[in-house]
Amino acid sequence: MYDLRPKGLLDLAGTASLRRSLLKILPEQPRVLLLSLDDVEVLDPHHLAILPTLDKRAMRDCGARLDCYASPQTKIGRRILEAISWRVALHSSRAAALATADAKTAATHRAYRWLPADDDAIRDARSTVRDCCRRWAIAQIADTAQLVVAELVADALQTQTGLHLILTHRGAQLHLQVRGDHRIGGRDILLVALLSSAYGTTVGTEATTRWAALRVRPAG
C-alpha cells in the first residue's frame, strides 16, 4: 500500500512533483493507492485536473484507482468537492479511503519468481506465467502472456546475472514485470508493443523494471 502525502502549493511545480512521485510507485504494482490532500493548497482550481489524469494513469498501468481523501471541512476539501469530485474518488478521511480501496482490491493475485541468468530463464518465466493464468482463471490470455514475458526476459538477460519476475492480476488486467539490479534492455520490443495495452521501463535508484500490461478478455 502507498499513501502519498503531498504538501504545499499545488501549482505547476507541485503537480509535476506529484506526477513524478506516482510514476515511481506504479511499477511496484501497489495494491492500494491513497492520496492525502489535507496539506495541499490550491490557488488555481485548474491544477486539480492533475488528479483525474493520475487516476487514469494508475488504472491503465496497474489496474488500481487513486483514492483521494480530504476533510470536507477544509478549504481544499471544499474546493475539490466543487471542482472535480465527480471525476475522482474522494473520501472524507483516510479510514474511509482505505476501506473502499481494500474492498476493491480483495481479489488481487500476485506471484514472484527469481530467474537465474541461464538458458532456462525464459522457459521458467513462460511456465510461471502459464501456471498463474491457469490458477487465476485467466487461461484465455496465457499464450499471449507467455509471448510477452519471453520477450521481456530475453531483453533483460543481456545485462543481468538474475531477474525478479513479478505477476499481478487485478480485475481486467494482468501486469508482467521483469526487474534487474542494473539498467536492462532498452530496445523497443515490437511484439510487446503489439500485444500489450501498455508497456514501459522504469529506472530506479536500486533496480530497473521493464513491464507490460495485458487486458484480460472474457473467456469463451
Protein backbone atom coordinates (compact mmCIF):
# COMPACT_ATOMS: atom_id res chain seq x y z
CA MET A 1 0.00 0.00 0.00
CA TYR A 2 1.19 3.52 -0.81
CA ASP A 3 -0.11 6.65 0.88
CA LEU A 4 1.06 9.78 -0.91
CA ARG A 5 1.03 12.90 1.26
CA PRO A 6 1.99 15.97 -0.79
CA LYS A 7 2.36 19.29 0.99
CA GLY A 8 2.40 22.89 -0.11
CA LEU A 9 1.12 24.63 -3.19
CA LEU A 10 -0.37 22.52 -5.97
CA ASP A 11 0.83 24.72 -8.83
CA LEU A 12 2.71 23.70 -11.99
CA ALA A 13 5.74 22.61 -9.99
CA GLY A 14 3.58 20.86 -7.41
CA THR A 15 1.59 18.91 -9.99
CA ALA A 16 4.81 17.87 -11.75
CA SER A 17 6.27 16.63 -8.46
CA LEU A 18 3.09 14.70 -7.64
CA ARG A 19 3.14 13.08 -11.07
CA ARG A 20 6.78 12.02 -10.67
CA SER A 21 6.03 10.50 -7.27
CA LEU A 22 3.16 8.44 -8.64
CA LEU A 23 5.10 7.23 -11.68
CA LYS A 24 7.84 5.91 -9.39
CA ILE A 25 5.25 3.90 -7.47
CA LEU A 26 3.21 2.36 -10.29
CA PRO A 27 5.83 -0.22 -11.41
CA GLU A 28 5.64 -1.70 -7.90
CA GLN A 29 2.00 -2.60 -8.63
CA PRO A 30 0.64 -1.31 -5.28
CA ARG A 31 -2.49 -2.99 -4.03
CA VAL A 32 -3.81 0.31 -2.70
CA LEU A 33 -3.03 3.89 -3.79
CA LEU A 34 -4.10 6.61 -1.34
CA LEU A 35 -3.57 10.33 -1.81
CA SER A 36 -3.90 12.72 1.12
CA LEU A 37 -4.87 16.27 0.09
CA ASP A 38 -5.39 17.83 3.51
CA ASP A 39 -1.98 19.57 3.45
CA VAL A 40 -2.22 20.88 -0.11
CA GLU A 41 -3.05 24.45 -1.08
CA VAL A 42 -4.70 25.23 -4.41
CA LEU A 43 -4.86 28.78 -5.74
CA ASP A 44 -5.88 27.88 -9.28
CA PRO A 45 -8.55 25.12 -9.43
CA HIS A 46 -7.37 24.22 -12.93
CA HIS A 47 -4.38 22.50 -11.32
CA LEU A 48 -6.77 19.98 -9.76
CA ALA A 49 -7.11 18.43 -13.23
CA ILE A 50 -3.91 16.51 -12.43
CA LEU A 51 -5.91 14.24 -10.09
CA PRO A 52 -8.21 12.56 -12.68
CA THR A 53 -5.23 12.41 -15.04
CA LEU A 54 -3.19 10.49 -12.46
CA ASP A 55 -6.18 8.30 -11.66
CA LYS A 56 -6.44 7.27 -15.31
CA ARG A 57 -2.70 6.58 -15.46
CA ALA A 58 -2.85 4.39 -12.36
CA MET A 59 -5.78 2.48 -13.79
CA ARG A 60 -4.02 2.00 -17.12
CA ASP A 61 -0.66 0.90 -15.72
CA CYS A 62 -1.67 -1.28 -12.79
CA GLY A 63 -5.45 -1.52 -12.59
CA ALA A 64 -5.66 0.46 -9.34
CA ARG A 65 -7.72 3.59 -8.70
CA LEU A 66 -6.31 6.60 -6.93
CA ASP A 67 -8.37 7.02 -3.75
CA CYS A 68 -8.06 10.62 -2.59
CA TYR A 69 -9.08 11.90 0.79
CA ALA A 70 -9.56 15.35 2.29
CA SER A 71 -11.79 16.65 5.03
CA PRO A 72 -14.85 18.37 3.56
CA GLN A 73 -14.48 20.94 6.34
CA THR A 74 -11.16 22.24 4.96
CA LYS A 75 -10.69 24.76 2.17
CA ILE A 76 -9.03 22.21 -0.10
CA GLY A 77 -11.73 19.66 0.61
CA ARG A 78 -14.48 22.10 -0.34
CA ARG A 79 -12.61 23.17 -3.46
CA ILE A 80 -12.18 19.61 -4.68
CA LEU A 81 -15.83 18.85 -4.00
CA GLU A 82 -16.85 21.87 -6.02
CA ALA A 83 -14.42 21.38 -8.89
CA ILE A 84 -13.77 17.71 -9.64
CA SER A 85 -15.44 15.42 -7.10
CA TRP A 86 -17.33 13.73 -9.93
CA ARG A 87 -14.04 12.86 -11.70
CA VAL A 88 -12.06 11.25 -8.86
CA ALA A 89 -12.74 9.01 -5.88
CA LEU A 90 -12.79 11.49 -2.99
CA HIS A 91 -13.26 10.38 0.63
CA SER A 92 -13.72 12.38 3.80
CA SER A 93 -10.96 10.55 5.71
CA ARG A 94 -8.05 8.15 5.32
CA ALA A 95 -10.04 5.38 7.01
CA ALA A 96 -12.87 5.75 4.50
CA ALA A 97 -10.45 5.78 1.56
CA LEU A 98 -8.63 2.70 2.84
CA ALA A 99 -11.85 0.77 3.46
CA THR A 100 -13.03 1.46 -0.09
CA ALA A 101 -9.67 0.54 -1.60
CA ASP A 102 -9.48 -2.69 0.39
CA ALA A 103 -12.92 -3.73 -0.80
CA LYS A 104 -12.00 -3.07 -4.43
CA THR A 105 -8.70 -4.98 -4.32
CA ALA A 106 -9.72 -8.05 -2.34
CA ALA A 107 -9.41 -10.23 -5.45
CA THR A 108 -5.87 -9.18 -6.40
CA HIS A 109 -3.48 -12.05 -7.19
CA ARG A 110 0.31 -11.77 -7.15
CA ALA A 111 3.22 -14.13 -7.78
CA TYR A 112 7.03 -13.79 -7.60
CA ARG A 113 9.86 -15.84 -9.04
CA TRP A 114 13.64 -15.45 -9.12
CA LEU A 115 15.14 -16.26 -12.52
CA PRO A 116 18.87 -17.04 -12.66
CA ALA A 117 20.55 -15.78 -15.83
CA ASP A 118 20.85 -19.13 -17.56
CA ASP A 119 19.41 -21.00 -20.52
CA ASP A 120 16.31 -21.97 -18.54
CA ALA A 121 15.24 -18.43 -17.60
CA ILE A 122 12.84 -17.88 -20.49
CA ARG A 123 11.37 -21.36 -20.19
CA ASP A 124 10.86 -20.89 -16.43
CA ALA A 125 9.25 -17.48 -16.95
CA ARG A 126 6.82 -18.88 -19.52
CA SER A 127 5.99 -21.80 -17.23
CA THR A 128 5.31 -19.47 -14.30
CA VAL A 129 3.02 -17.29 -16.39
CA ARG A 130 1.15 -20.31 -17.77
CA ASP A 131 0.60 -21.79 -14.30
CA CYS A 132 -0.55 -18.47 -12.83
CA CYS A 133 -3.00 -17.85 -15.66
CA ARG A 134 -4.48 -21.29 -15.04
CA ARG A 135 -4.74 -20.82 -11.26
CA TRP A 136 -6.20 -17.34 -11.61
CA ALA A 137 -8.81 -18.48 -14.17
CA ILE A 138 -7.46 -16.33 -16.99
CA ALA A 139 -6.13 -19.14 -19.16
CA GLN A 140 -7.57 -17.41 -22.23
CA ILE A 141 -4.64 -14.97 -22.27
CA ALA A 142 -1.94 -17.47 -21.26
CA ASP A 143 -0.45 -17.80 -24.76
CA THR A 144 -0.20 -14.04 -25.25
CA ALA A 145 1.21 -13.51 -21.77
CA GLN A 146 3.89 -16.16 -22.37
CA LEU A 147 4.99 -14.46 -25.58
CA VAL A 148 5.24 -11.10 -23.84
CA VAL A 149 7.14 -12.36 -20.81
CA ALA A 150 9.57 -14.27 -23.04
CA GLU A 151 10.42 -11.03 -24.87
CA LEU A 152 10.84 -9.08 -21.62
CA VAL A 153 13.13 -11.71 -20.10
CA ALA A 154 15.18 -12.21 -23.28
CA ASP A 155 15.83 -8.48 -23.49
CA ALA A 156 16.70 -8.13 -19.80
CA LEU A 157 19.05 -11.12 -19.68
CA GLN A 158 21.56 -9.27 -21.86
CA THR A 159 22.80 -7.27 -18.87
CA GLN A 160 21.79 -9.25 -15.77
CA THR A 161 23.04 -12.02 -13.52
CA GLY A 162 19.48 -12.78 -12.47
CA LEU A 163 15.98 -11.32 -12.61
CA HIS A 164 12.89 -10.90 -10.47
CA LEU A 165 9.67 -11.88 -12.25
CA ILE A 166 6.53 -10.36 -10.71
CA LEU A 167 3.00 -11.09 -11.90
CA THR A 168 -0.08 -9.20 -10.76
CA HIS A 169 -3.68 -9.91 -11.78
CA ARG A 170 -6.26 -7.36 -10.76
CA GLY A 171 -9.67 -7.00 -12.36
CA ALA A 172 -9.39 -6.92 -16.13
CA GLN A 173 -5.62 -6.61 -16.23
CA LEU A 174 -2.54 -8.83 -15.96
CA HIS A 175 0.69 -6.97 -15.24
CA LEU A 176 4.09 -8.55 -16.02
CA GLN A 177 7.29 -7.15 -14.50
CA VAL A 178 10.92 -8.12 -15.05
CA ARG A 179 13.26 -6.37 -12.61
CA GLY A 180 17.05 -6.34 -12.57
CA ASP A 181 19.75 -4.76 -10.42
CA HIS A 182 21.25 -2.88 -13.36
CA ARG A 183 19.90 -0.98 -16.33
CA ILE A 184 18.21 -3.57 -18.50
CA GLY A 185 17.46 -3.82 -22.17
CA GLY A 186 16.25 -0.58 -23.60
CA ARG A 187 15.48 -1.64 -27.14
CA ASP A 188 11.95 -1.22 -28.41
CA ILE A 189 10.28 -4.62 -28.31
CA LEU A 190 7.85 -4.67 -31.23
CA LEU A 191 6.00 -7.81 -30.14
CA VAL A 192 5.43 -6.45 -26.62
CA ALA A 193 4.14 -3.20 -28.09
CA LEU A 194 1.71 -5.06 -30.35
CA LEU A 195 0.34 -7.41 -27.70
CA SER A 196 0.19 -5.15 -24.63
CA SER A 197 -2.26 -2.45 -23.66
CA ALA A 198 0.66 -0.57 -22.07
CA TYR A 199 4.37 -1.18 -21.53
CA GLY A 200 7.46 0.67 -20.44
CA THR A 201 10.71 0.86 -18.48
CA THR A 202 11.16 2.40 -15.04
CA VAL A 203 14.67 3.21 -13.82
CA GLY A 204 15.03 3.41 -10.05
CA THR A 205 17.97 4.04 -7.75
CA GLU A 206 18.45 0.33 -7.00
CA ALA A 207 16.72 -1.50 -9.84
CA THR A 208 15.31 -1.18 -13.33
CA THR A 209 11.97 -2.65 -14.29
CA ARG A 210 10.58 -3.49 -17.72
CA TRP A 211 6.85 -4.12 -17.60
CA ALA A 212 3.81 -4.79 -19.74
CA ALA A 213 0.07 -4.80 -19.05
CA LEU A 214 -2.38 -7.12 -20.80
CA ARG A 215 -6.14 -6.76 -20.91
CA VAL A 216 -7.95 -9.86 -19.68
CA ARG A 217 -10.57 -10.57 -22.30
CA PRO A 218 -13.63 -12.63 -21.29
CA ALA A 219 -13.23 -16.40 -21.57
CA GLY A 220 -15.06 -18.24 -24.32
